[in-house]
Amino acid sequence: MFDKIPNRPNIVFVMADDMGYGDAGCYGSEKIRTPNIDSLASKGMRFIDAHSSSAVCTPSRYSIMTGRYSWRTRLKCNVQCGHGLPLIEDGRKTVASLLRDFGYATGAFGKWHLGFRYQLSDGSFFSEPQSLNDYPDNADQHFHEIDYSKPLYGGPLDHGFDHFFGISGSLDMPPYCFIRNRNTVGIPSVEKEIITQQRAGLAVSDWDDTEVDVRFTEETCRFIESCAKENIPFFAYVPLSSPHRPCVPPDFIRGQSDAGLRGDSVMLADWCLGQITSKLEELDITDETLIIFTSDNGANACDFFGRTYGHKSNGDLRGYKADIFEGGHRVPFIASWPGVIPIDTVSDSLVGLIDFMSTVAQIVGYELKSDEAPDSFSLLDIFRNPRATSRDTIINHSIHGMFAIRSKDWKLIDGLGSGGFSSPSFYESEREGLTGQLYSMKDDYWEQVNSFLREKEIAAKMMSELENIKNKD
């Protein structure tokens, strides 16, 4: 039944921002209702050991687009700013450029966060610190020197996308404006009214945080409808801004969850997915479409005010967004593809979002070159059979640059601490030889018993493998 793979399926990749492993109903949430995510899981395959390559967004997105770990680039830790320069190298093949070569229409609708080249009034290009840790004292002054009437370069249109409608970074980063293709929609010219830890900067005069994901979804649906009418296969990349702070859902969503505004924002992401899947059904193209829903990394433990409402955003996993622990990078991952992916199945295969590019390449029959998607592993066999062979290992990375290597049975962390937001981030051991952490993923997936000294041979072998992978070109 699942032997024949359609030649050129439509591909829709919807990604929430900071949505945790425990946020959706099909992953155990009782405080937040996610009927559309749950429905997608019932129609396809739900993965329970899926990981972002990083515990924060910019490096995770780089890996999705390129099939390459971000720590192989200049971004060794942290994330980019809203005015960060392009991270994807010129000429590097991406999922979008690969699919465009195979006749796909390609559109990105949402949070890019992989950089643009902004111009100044004299035609030169803005140079801005790449990391949030590197902001100069006069950063705001530099931002005000940008001429937003000039085209932007180095973004989605220069990396394989035909269309882009979105924002440059997270919804807490300037500039607060939409970008369509190479130009801002309006000119950011007024100081943003700051809410819940947003960063100061310029906004367009009519900016409304609450409408952002709704607009992304509307643009996605229009793109899908246009492609369907012209009978063109399409790739829609939809990186939403929710439930990342500032958590400002529109009125029709507000108050719908039992987990505060952050819970409502998870429900907004679910609503967006529902609008897209409804459009596919309306156009009668669901059967020829691969739909993936996931998140770019793990979730924060609570909202801006420290409230959880009794909800576990990362389920029973240890740690949160930014951490090297499982809560930082184990993410919801659901794939549906009628006639190929068996319905209502669960896979415990070790997979990564970084595997998206190799999967797409195999679907369309493209043989990747040695320098294309070097860290990616195709999931196509697993899509067809949840018990198929998966990758042997995967590398994870924290916000502060701490590494971990996972196999099916073990996880080695090269360092002590969370490497992220959980305290302590780093610490020196008082025990001789204790330089890392080793956890059994079969018996201790919540990472409570450090076996680093007891299982020295396993730790040494995994450390050697980690170094070999890090040294690979």
Protein backbone atom coordinates (compact mmCIF):
# COMPACT_ATOMS: atom_id res chain seq x y z
CA MET A 1 0.00 0.00 0.00
CA PHE A 2 2.83 2.38 0.80
CA ASP A 3 5.30 1.35 -1.92
CA LYS A 4 4.70 4.10 -4.45
CA ILE A 5 5.96 7.57 -3.61
CA PRO A 6 4.25 10.42 -5.48
CA ASN A 7 6.71 12.24 -7.71
CA ARG A 8 6.18 15.83 -6.66
CA PRO A 9 3.91 16.18 -3.62
CA ASN A 10 3.08 19.61 -2.29
CA ILE A 11 5.02 20.24 0.92
CA VAL A 12 3.76 22.37 3.81
CA PHE A 13 6.08 22.90 6.79
CA VAL A 14 4.38 24.70 9.70
CA MET A 15 6.61 25.54 12.67
CA ALA A 16 5.57 27.12 15.95
CA ASP A 17 8.04 29.32 17.84
CA ASP A 18 9.01 28.08 21.35
CA MET A 19 6.27 25.43 21.50
CA GLY A 20 7.25 22.70 23.92
CA TYR A 21 7.00 18.93 23.84
CA GLY A 22 4.08 19.04 26.31
CA ASP A 23 2.06 21.90 24.78
CA ALA A 24 -0.24 19.94 22.44
CA GLY A 25 -3.10 17.66 23.45
CA CYS A 26 -1.68 14.69 21.55
CA TYR A 27 1.52 15.09 23.61
CA GLY A 28 -0.33 15.14 26.92
CA SER A 29 -1.51 18.70 27.46
CA GLU A 30 -4.73 19.04 29.47
CA LYS A 31 -4.72 22.83 29.88
CA ILE A 32 -4.40 23.76 26.21
CA ARG A 33 -6.73 22.51 23.49
CA THR A 34 -5.11 21.80 20.13
CA PRO A 35 -7.75 20.10 17.97
CA ASN A 36 -6.01 20.74 14.65
CA ILE A 37 -2.61 19.48 15.79
CA ASP A 38 -4.30 16.43 17.33
CA SER A 39 -6.27 15.82 14.14
CA LEU A 40 -3.11 15.96 12.05
CA ALA A 41 -1.52 13.38 14.36
CA SER A 42 -4.51 11.07 13.95
CA LYS A 43 -4.11 11.29 10.18
CA GLY A 44 -0.38 10.68 10.15
CA MET A 45 2.66 9.94 12.30
CA ARG A 46 3.55 11.48 15.64
CA PHE A 47 7.22 11.40 16.64
CA ILE A 48 8.18 11.18 20.31
CA ASP A 49 11.98 11.49 19.99
CA ALA A 50 12.33 14.40 17.55
CA HIS A 51 14.84 17.20 18.13
CA SER A 52 15.78 20.65 16.96
CA SER A 53 19.51 20.95 16.37
CA SER A 54 19.65 23.86 18.79
CA ALA A 55 17.69 24.89 21.87
CA VAL A 56 17.12 28.35 20.35
CA CYS A 57 15.69 29.62 17.11
CA THR A 58 18.23 31.08 14.66
CA PRO A 59 20.57 28.06 14.62
CA SER A 60 17.62 25.67 14.51
CA ARG A 61 16.20 27.45 11.45
CA TYR A 62 19.56 27.43 9.69
CA SER A 63 19.71 23.65 10.12
CA ILE A 64 16.20 23.16 8.78
CA MET A 65 16.91 25.21 5.67
CA THR A 66 20.36 23.73 4.92
CA GLY A 67 20.64 20.30 6.56
CA ARG A 68 23.79 21.57 8.27
CA TYR A 69 24.52 22.29 11.93
CA SER A 70 24.64 26.02 12.61
CA TRP A 71 27.75 25.75 14.79
CA ARG A 72 29.62 25.07 11.56
CA THR A 73 28.93 28.74 10.68
CA ARG A 74 30.07 31.94 12.38
CA LEU A 75 27.13 31.64 14.84
CA LYS A 76 28.69 29.52 17.60
CA CYS A 77 26.11 30.39 20.26
CA ASN A 78 23.05 32.55 20.99
CA VAL A 79 20.72 33.89 18.27
CA GLN A 80 20.78 36.75 15.81
CA CYS A 81 19.17 40.13 16.33
CA GLY A 82 16.31 41.43 14.24
CA HIS A 83 18.90 43.38 12.26
CA GLY A 84 21.36 40.49 12.00
CA LEU A 85 23.22 39.87 8.77
CA PRO A 86 22.45 36.84 6.55
CA LEU A 87 23.56 33.56 8.11
CA ILE A 88 23.00 31.27 5.13
CA GLU A 89 26.08 31.47 2.95
CA ASP A 90 25.83 32.68 -0.65
CA GLY A 91 25.47 29.72 -2.98
CA ARG A 92 24.52 27.19 -0.31
CA LYS A 93 21.70 24.92 -1.43
CA THR A 94 18.59 25.13 0.71
CA VAL A 95 15.35 23.19 0.82
CA ALA A 96 13.73 26.01 -1.13
CA SER A 97 16.37 26.27 -3.86
CA LEU A 98 16.38 22.49 -4.27
CA LEU A 99 12.61 22.36 -4.71
CA ARG A 100 12.55 25.35 -7.01
CA ASP A 101 15.01 23.51 -9.27
CA PHE A 102 12.40 20.74 -9.47
CA GLY A 103 9.63 23.07 -10.62
CA TYR A 104 8.11 23.96 -7.25
CA ALA A 105 6.67 27.34 -6.40
CA THR A 106 8.29 28.29 -3.09
CA GLY A 107 6.91 30.62 -0.44
CA ALA A 108 7.96 31.56 3.09
CA PHE A 109 5.37 33.16 5.36
CA GLY A 110 6.44 34.07 8.88
CA LYS A 111 9.46 34.67 11.07
CA TRP A 112 12.68 34.46 9.04
CA HIS A 113 15.36 35.19 11.69
CA LEU A 114 18.23 34.24 9.41
CA GLY A 115 19.30 37.75 8.54
CA PHE A 116 19.03 40.47 5.91
CA ARG A 117 21.42 43.06 4.53
CA TYR A 118 19.95 46.46 5.38
CA GLN A 119 21.05 49.58 3.53
CA LEU A 120 21.85 53.03 4.86
CA SER A 121 20.85 56.26 3.14
CA ASP A 122 24.25 56.54 1.44
CA GLY A 123 23.83 53.12 -0.16
CA SER A 124 26.29 51.33 2.11
CA PHE A 125 25.16 48.34 4.11
CA PHE A 126 24.36 48.27 7.80
CA SER A 127 26.80 46.32 9.96
CA GLU A 128 25.30 45.06 13.20
CA PRO A 129 26.40 42.65 15.95
CA GLN A 130 25.30 39.11 15.22
CA SER A 131 24.52 38.08 18.78
CA LEU A 132 22.18 39.55 21.34
CA ASN A 133 25.14 39.46 23.74
CA ASP A 134 27.10 41.84 21.51
CA TYR A 135 24.80 44.86 21.42
CA PRO A 136 26.80 48.12 21.65
CA ASP A 137 25.63 50.87 23.95
CA ASN A 138 24.62 52.95 20.91
CA ALA A 139 22.75 50.15 19.13
CA ASP A 140 19.52 52.15 18.88
CA GLN A 141 21.37 54.96 17.14
CA HIS A 142 22.69 52.51 14.54
CA PHE A 143 19.21 51.10 13.92
CA HIS A 144 17.90 54.58 13.20
CA GLU A 145 20.47 54.99 10.44
CA ILE A 146 18.88 52.27 8.30
CA ASP A 147 16.98 53.46 5.23
CA TYR A 148 13.93 51.18 5.20
CA SER A 149 12.84 52.50 1.80
CA LYS A 150 15.69 50.55 0.18
CA PRO A 151 15.49 46.86 -0.76
CA LEU A 152 16.71 44.13 1.59
CA TYR A 153 19.13 41.46 0.40
CA GLY A 154 20.39 38.12 1.67
CA GLY A 155 16.95 36.95 2.81
CA PRO A 156 14.47 34.34 1.56
CA LEU A 157 14.47 35.54 -2.06
CA ASP A 158 18.23 35.02 -2.24
CA HIS A 159 17.98 31.48 -0.87
CA GLY A 160 15.41 29.80 -3.06
CA PHE A 161 12.06 31.37 -2.21
CA ASP A 162 9.88 32.97 -4.88
CA HIS A 163 7.73 34.76 -2.32
CA PHE A 164 8.21 36.02 1.21
CA PHE A 165 5.85 37.71 3.62
CA GLY A 166 6.99 37.88 7.20
CA ILE A 167 9.09 39.54 9.86
CA SER A 168 12.84 39.71 10.26
CA GLY A 169 13.18 38.16 13.72
CA SER A 170 11.13 37.27 16.76
CA LEU A 171 8.08 39.32 17.71
CA ASP A 172 10.14 40.93 20.49
CA MET A 173 12.76 42.36 18.10
CA PRO A 174 12.82 45.48 15.93
CA PRO A 175 12.08 46.39 13.24
CA TYR A 176 8.36 45.94 13.96
CA CYS A 177 7.04 45.71 10.42
CA PHE A 178 6.09 43.18 7.79
CA ILE A 179 8.46 42.49 4.91
CA ARG A 180 7.12 41.49 1.52
CA ASN A 181 9.80 39.99 -0.70
CA ARG A 182 12.61 42.62 -0.50
CA ASN A 183 10.79 45.59 0.98
CA THR A 184 9.24 46.56 4.28
CA VAL A 185 5.48 47.10 4.22
CA GLY A 186 5.50 50.73 5.28
CA ILE A 187 8.44 52.54 6.82
CA PRO A 188 9.33 51.89 10.50
CA SER A 189 9.38 55.44 11.83
CA VAL A 190 7.83 55.48 15.32
CA GLU A 191 9.13 54.11 18.60
CA LYS A 192 7.48 50.81 19.44
CA GLU A 193 5.28 50.73 22.54
CA ILE A 194 7.02 47.97 24.45
CA ILE A 195 5.16 45.06 26.09
CA THR A 196 6.44 42.01 28.00
CA GLN A 197 10.15 42.22 27.32
CA GLN A 198 10.02 43.42 23.75
CA ARG A 199 13.17 45.22 22.68
CA ALA A 200 13.11 48.91 21.91
CA GLY A 201 13.13 49.97 18.27
CA LEU A 202 11.18 51.37 15.38
CA ALA A 203 7.77 50.23 14.19
CA VAL A 204 5.42 51.18 11.38
CA SER A 205 2.69 53.49 12.64
CA ASP A 206 -0.15 50.95 12.37
CA TRP A 207 1.72 47.95 13.78
CA ASP A 208 -0.45 45.46 15.71
CA ASP A 209 1.29 42.53 17.42
CA THR A 210 -1.97 40.59 17.67
CA GLU A 211 -2.49 40.27 13.92
CA VAL A 212 0.92 38.91 12.92
CA ASP A 213 0.25 35.16 12.76
CA VAL A 214 -3.20 35.75 11.28
CA ARG A 215 -1.58 37.65 8.41
CA PHE A 216 1.02 34.91 7.90
CA THR A 217 -1.78 32.38 7.63
CA GLU A 218 -3.83 34.44 5.22
CA GLU A 219 -0.82 34.90 2.95
CA THR A 220 -0.06 31.17 3.10
CA CYS A 221 -3.60 30.25 2.10
CA ARG A 222 -3.56 32.71 -0.81
CA PHE A 223 -0.27 31.24 -2.02
CA ILE A 224 -1.60 27.69 -1.80
CA GLU A 225 -4.78 28.62 -3.67
CA SER A 226 -2.82 30.37 -6.42
CA CYS A 227 -0.53 27.37 -6.92
CA ALA A 228 -3.46 24.95 -6.92
CA LYS A 229 -5.29 26.94 -9.61
CA GLU A 230 -2.20 26.86 -11.81
CA ASN A 231 -1.58 23.17 -10.99
CA ILE A 232 1.96 23.90 -9.77
CA PRO A 233 3.53 21.86 -6.97
CA PHE A 234 4.41 24.10 -4.05
CA PHE A 235 6.51 24.34 -0.92
CA ALA A 236 5.02 26.53 1.82
CA TYR A 237 7.35 27.23 4.75
CA VAL A 238 5.30 28.72 7.61
CA PRO A 239 7.41 29.67 10.65
CA LEU A 240 4.87 31.23 13.01
CA SER A 241 5.69 33.76 15.73
CA SER A 242 3.57 32.06 18.42
CA PRO A 243 3.77 31.09 21.25
CA HIS A 244 7.03 33.05 21.65
CA ARG A 245 6.74 36.19 23.77
CA PRO A 246 5.10 38.71 23.87
CA CYS A 247 2.11 36.28 23.79
CA VAL A 248 -0.56 38.63 22.47
CA PRO A 249 -3.18 36.44 20.78
CA PRO A 250 -6.04 38.12 18.90
CA ASP A 251 -9.36 38.61 20.64
CA PHE A 252 -10.99 35.55 19.07
CA ILE A 253 -8.33 33.32 20.72
CA ARG A 254 -7.72 35.20 23.97
CA GLY A 255 -9.01 33.37 27.04
CA GLN A 256 -9.63 30.08 25.21
CA SER A 257 -7.01 28.02 27.08
CA ASP A 258 -6.58 27.24 30.77
CA ALA A 259 -2.93 28.29 30.69
CA GLY A 260 -3.01 32.06 30.36
CA LEU A 261 -1.87 34.12 27.38
CA ARG A 262 0.94 31.73 26.54
CA GLY A 263 -1.53 28.87 26.43
CA ASP A 264 -3.80 30.99 24.24
CA SER A 265 -0.82 31.60 21.95
CA VAL A 266 -0.31 27.85 21.55
CA MET A 267 -3.96 27.70 20.54
CA LEU A 268 -3.28 30.44 17.99
CA ALA A 269 -0.60 28.26 16.39
CA ASP A 270 -3.13 25.43 16.33
CA TRP A 271 -5.71 27.73 14.69
CA CYS A 272 -3.19 28.70 12.01
CA LEU A 273 -2.53 25.05 11.21
CA GLY A 274 -6.28 24.46 11.03
CA GLN A 275 -6.78 27.28 8.53
CA ILE A 276 -4.07 25.86 6.29
CA THR A 277 -5.33 22.28 6.42
CA SER A 278 -8.87 23.50 5.75
CA LYS A 279 -7.64 25.33 2.66
CA LEU A 280 -5.97 22.15 1.40
CA GLU A 281 -9.23 20.27 1.92
CA GLU A 282 -11.27 23.00 0.23
CA LEU A 283 -9.00 22.76 -2.82
CA ASP A 284 -9.11 18.94 -2.71
CA ILE A 285 -5.31 18.61 -2.61
CA THR A 286 -4.79 17.11 0.85
CA ASP A 287 -4.08 13.67 -0.63
CA GLU A 288 -1.15 15.02 -2.64
CA THR A 289 0.38 17.07 0.17
CA LEU A 290 2.98 16.28 2.82
CA ILE A 291 2.19 18.35 5.92
CA ILE A 292 4.65 18.71 8.79
CA PHE A 293 3.95 20.48 12.06
CA THR A 294 6.71 21.09 14.60
CA SER A 295 8.49 23.69 16.77
CA ASP A 296 11.89 25.33 16.43
CA ASN A 297 12.98 24.42 19.99
CA GLY A 298 11.63 23.73 23.47
CA ALA A 299 9.47 26.06 25.54
CA ASN A 300 9.95 28.38 28.46
CA ALA A 301 8.67 27.02 31.75
CA CYS A 302 6.20 29.83 32.33
CA ASP A 303 4.88 33.11 31.04
CA PHE A 304 6.54 36.52 31.48
CA PHE A 305 5.17 36.81 35.02
CA GLY A 306 6.37 33.37 36.13
CA ARG A 307 2.98 31.66 35.96
CA THR A 308 2.51 28.09 34.72
CA TYR A 309 -1.22 27.62 35.51
CA GLY A 310 -0.34 24.02 36.37
CA HIS A 311 0.71 23.36 32.77
CA LYS A 312 3.98 21.60 31.90
CA SER A 313 5.13 23.18 28.65
CA ASN A 314 7.80 20.52 28.10
CA GLY A 315 5.94 17.64 29.71
CA ASP A 316 8.08 15.64 32.11
CA LEU A 317 11.34 16.50 30.34
CA ARG A 318 14.12 18.24 32.23
CA GLY A 319 15.01 21.79 31.25
CA TYR A 320 13.55 24.44 29.01
CA LYS A 321 14.26 26.52 25.94
CA ALA A 322 18.00 27.32 25.61
CA ASP A 323 19.07 24.32 27.74
CA ILE A 324 21.06 21.30 26.60
CA PHE A 325 18.62 19.11 28.54
CA GLU A 326 15.79 17.41 26.62
CA GLY A 327 13.30 20.16 27.38
CA GLY A 328 15.44 22.53 25.36
CA HIS A 329 15.39 20.64 22.09
CA ARG A 330 12.97 17.68 22.08
CA VAL A 331 10.02 19.00 20.11
CA PRO A 332 6.61 17.98 18.83
CA PHE A 333 6.90 16.64 15.29
CA ILE A 334 3.94 15.38 13.26
CA ALA A 335 3.87 14.38 9.60
CA SER A 336 0.84 13.53 7.46
CA TRP A 337 0.93 12.34 3.85
CA PRO A 338 -2.10 10.31 2.74
CA GLY A 339 -1.19 7.05 1.01
CA VAL A 340 2.42 7.21 2.16
CA ILE A 341 2.47 7.80 5.92
CA PRO A 342 0.25 5.29 7.76
CA ILE A 343 -2.47 6.96 9.80
CA ASP A 344 -2.52 7.29 13.59
CA THR A 345 0.99 5.93 14.10
CA VAL A 346 3.68 6.79 16.63
CA SER A 347 7.40 6.59 15.94
CA ASP A 348 10.11 6.51 18.61
CA SER A 349 12.86 6.86 15.98
CA LEU A 350 15.60 9.35 16.76
CA VAL A 351 15.03 12.17 14.25
CA GLY A 352 15.90 15.82 13.84
CA LEU A 353 14.46 18.86 12.12
CA ILE A 354 17.83 18.98 10.37
CA ASP A 355 16.66 15.87 8.48
CA PHE A 356 14.07 17.81 6.50
CA MET A 357 16.39 18.63 3.60
CA SER A 358 17.59 15.07 2.97
CA THR A 359 13.99 13.89 3.20
CA VAL A 360 12.88 16.39 0.58
CA ALA A 361 15.82 15.49 -1.65
CA GLN A 362 14.91 11.81 -1.57
CA ILE A 363 11.23 12.57 -2.21
CA VAL A 364 12.01 14.41 -5.46
CA GLY A 365 14.85 12.08 -6.44
CA TYR A 366 17.77 14.47 -6.02
CA GLU A 367 21.16 13.06 -5.01
CA LEU A 368 22.76 15.50 -2.60
CA LYS A 369 26.41 16.36 -3.14
CA SER A 370 28.92 15.84 -0.34
CA ASP A 371 28.80 19.50 0.75
CA GLU A 372 25.00 19.71 0.60
CA ALA A 373 23.05 18.90 3.78
CA PRO A 374 26.07 17.06 5.26
CA ASP A 375 24.42 16.52 8.65
CA SER A 376 20.97 15.49 7.39
CA PHE A 377 19.36 12.02 7.28
CA SER A 378 16.32 11.20 5.15
CA LEU A 379 13.13 10.32 7.04
CA LEU A 380 11.31 8.91 4.02
CA ASP A 381 11.72 5.26 5.04
CA ILE A 382 10.49 6.10 8.55
CA PHE A 383 7.51 7.96 7.09
CA ARG A 384 6.55 4.74 5.32
CA ASN A 385 7.38 2.47 8.26
CA PRO A 386 7.82 3.84 11.82
CA ARG A 387 10.12 0.91 12.64
CA ALA A 388 12.55 1.60 9.78
CA THR A 389 16.21 2.32 10.49
CA SER A 390 16.85 5.82 11.79
CA ARG A 391 20.01 7.86 12.30
CA ASP A 392 22.55 6.53 14.82
CA THR A 393 23.30 9.83 16.53
CA ILE A 394 22.27 13.47 16.57
CA ILE A 395 24.03 16.56 17.94
CA ASN A 396 22.26 19.12 20.09
CA HIS A 397 23.51 22.56 21.09
CA SER A 398 22.53 25.00 23.84
CA ILE A 399 22.26 28.78 23.70
CA HIS A 400 25.67 29.19 25.33
CA GLY A 401 27.36 26.64 23.08
CA MET A 402 27.27 23.46 25.16
CA PHE A 403 27.22 20.28 23.05
CA ALA A 404 25.39 17.00 23.51
CA ILE A 405 25.42 13.85 21.41
CA ARG A 406 22.44 11.48 21.44
CA SER A 407 22.20 7.87 20.44
CA LYS A 408 19.08 5.82 20.85
CA ASP A 409 20.18 4.58 24.28
CA TRP A 410 22.47 7.28 25.67
CA LYS A 411 23.01 11.02 25.80
CA LEU A 412 26.40 12.56 26.51
CA ILE A 413 26.67 16.26 27.46
CA ASP A 414 30.11 17.81 27.09
CA GLY A 415 30.05 19.95 30.21
CA LEU A 416 28.34 20.42 33.56
CA GLY A 417 25.17 22.44 33.94
CA SER A 418 22.32 23.30 31.59
CA GLY A 419 24.33 25.41 29.15
CA GLY A 420 21.25 27.61 29.01
CA PHE A 421 18.62 29.33 31.11
CA SER A 422 18.20 26.74 33.87
CA SER A 423 20.44 27.29 36.89
CA PRO A 424 23.28 26.51 37.06
CA SER A 425 24.18 27.15 33.44
CA PHE A 426 27.79 25.99 33.99
CA TYR A 427 29.69 24.78 37.04
CA GLU A 428 33.01 23.23 37.99
CA SER A 429 32.95 19.72 39.41
CA GLU A 430 34.34 18.89 42.83
CA ARG A 431 34.77 15.24 41.78
CA GLU A 432 37.92 14.21 39.92
CA GLY A 433 37.24 13.20 36.32
CA LEU A 434 33.65 14.44 36.26
CA THR A 435 33.74 16.69 33.22
CA GLY A 436 30.46 15.80 31.58
CA GLN A 437 27.05 14.20 31.92
CA LEU A 438 25.84 10.83 30.65
CA TYR A 439 22.19 9.80 30.84
CA SER A 440 20.41 6.61 29.86
CA MET A 441 17.63 7.48 27.43
CA LYS A 442 16.02 4.08 27.99
CA ASP A 443 15.74 4.29 31.77
CA ASP A 444 16.28 7.97 32.59
CA TYR A 445 15.03 10.19 29.78
CA TRP A 446 14.25 12.87 32.38
CA GLU A 447 18.04 13.09 33.02
CA GLN A 448 18.31 12.67 36.77
CA VAL A 449 21.16 10.13 37.22
CA ASN A 450 24.53 11.14 35.80
CA SER A 451 26.36 7.94 34.78
CA PHE A 452 29.45 9.69 33.41
CA LEU A 453 31.87 8.17 35.94
CA ARG A 454 30.15 4.80 36.20
CA GLU A 455 30.01 4.21 32.42
CA LYS A 456 33.41 5.57 31.47
CA GLU A 457 33.80 3.49 28.31
CA ILE A 458 30.47 4.65 26.89
CA ALA A 459 31.25 8.25 27.81
CA ALA A 460 34.69 8.09 26.17
CA LYS A 461 33.32 6.49 23.00
CA MET A 462 30.56 9.07 22.66
CA MET A 463 32.95 11.95 23.37
CA SER A 464 35.23 10.68 20.62
CA GLU A 465 32.30 10.44 18.21
CA LEU A 466 31.19 13.96 19.11
CA GLU A 467 34.68 15.30 18.33
CA ASN A 468 34.77 13.44 15.03
CA ILE A 469 31.45 14.95 13.97
CA LYS A 470 32.50 18.44 15.09
CA ASN A 471 35.70 18.15 13.02
CA LYS A 472 33.85 17.03 9.90
CA ASP A 473 33.74 19.66 7.16
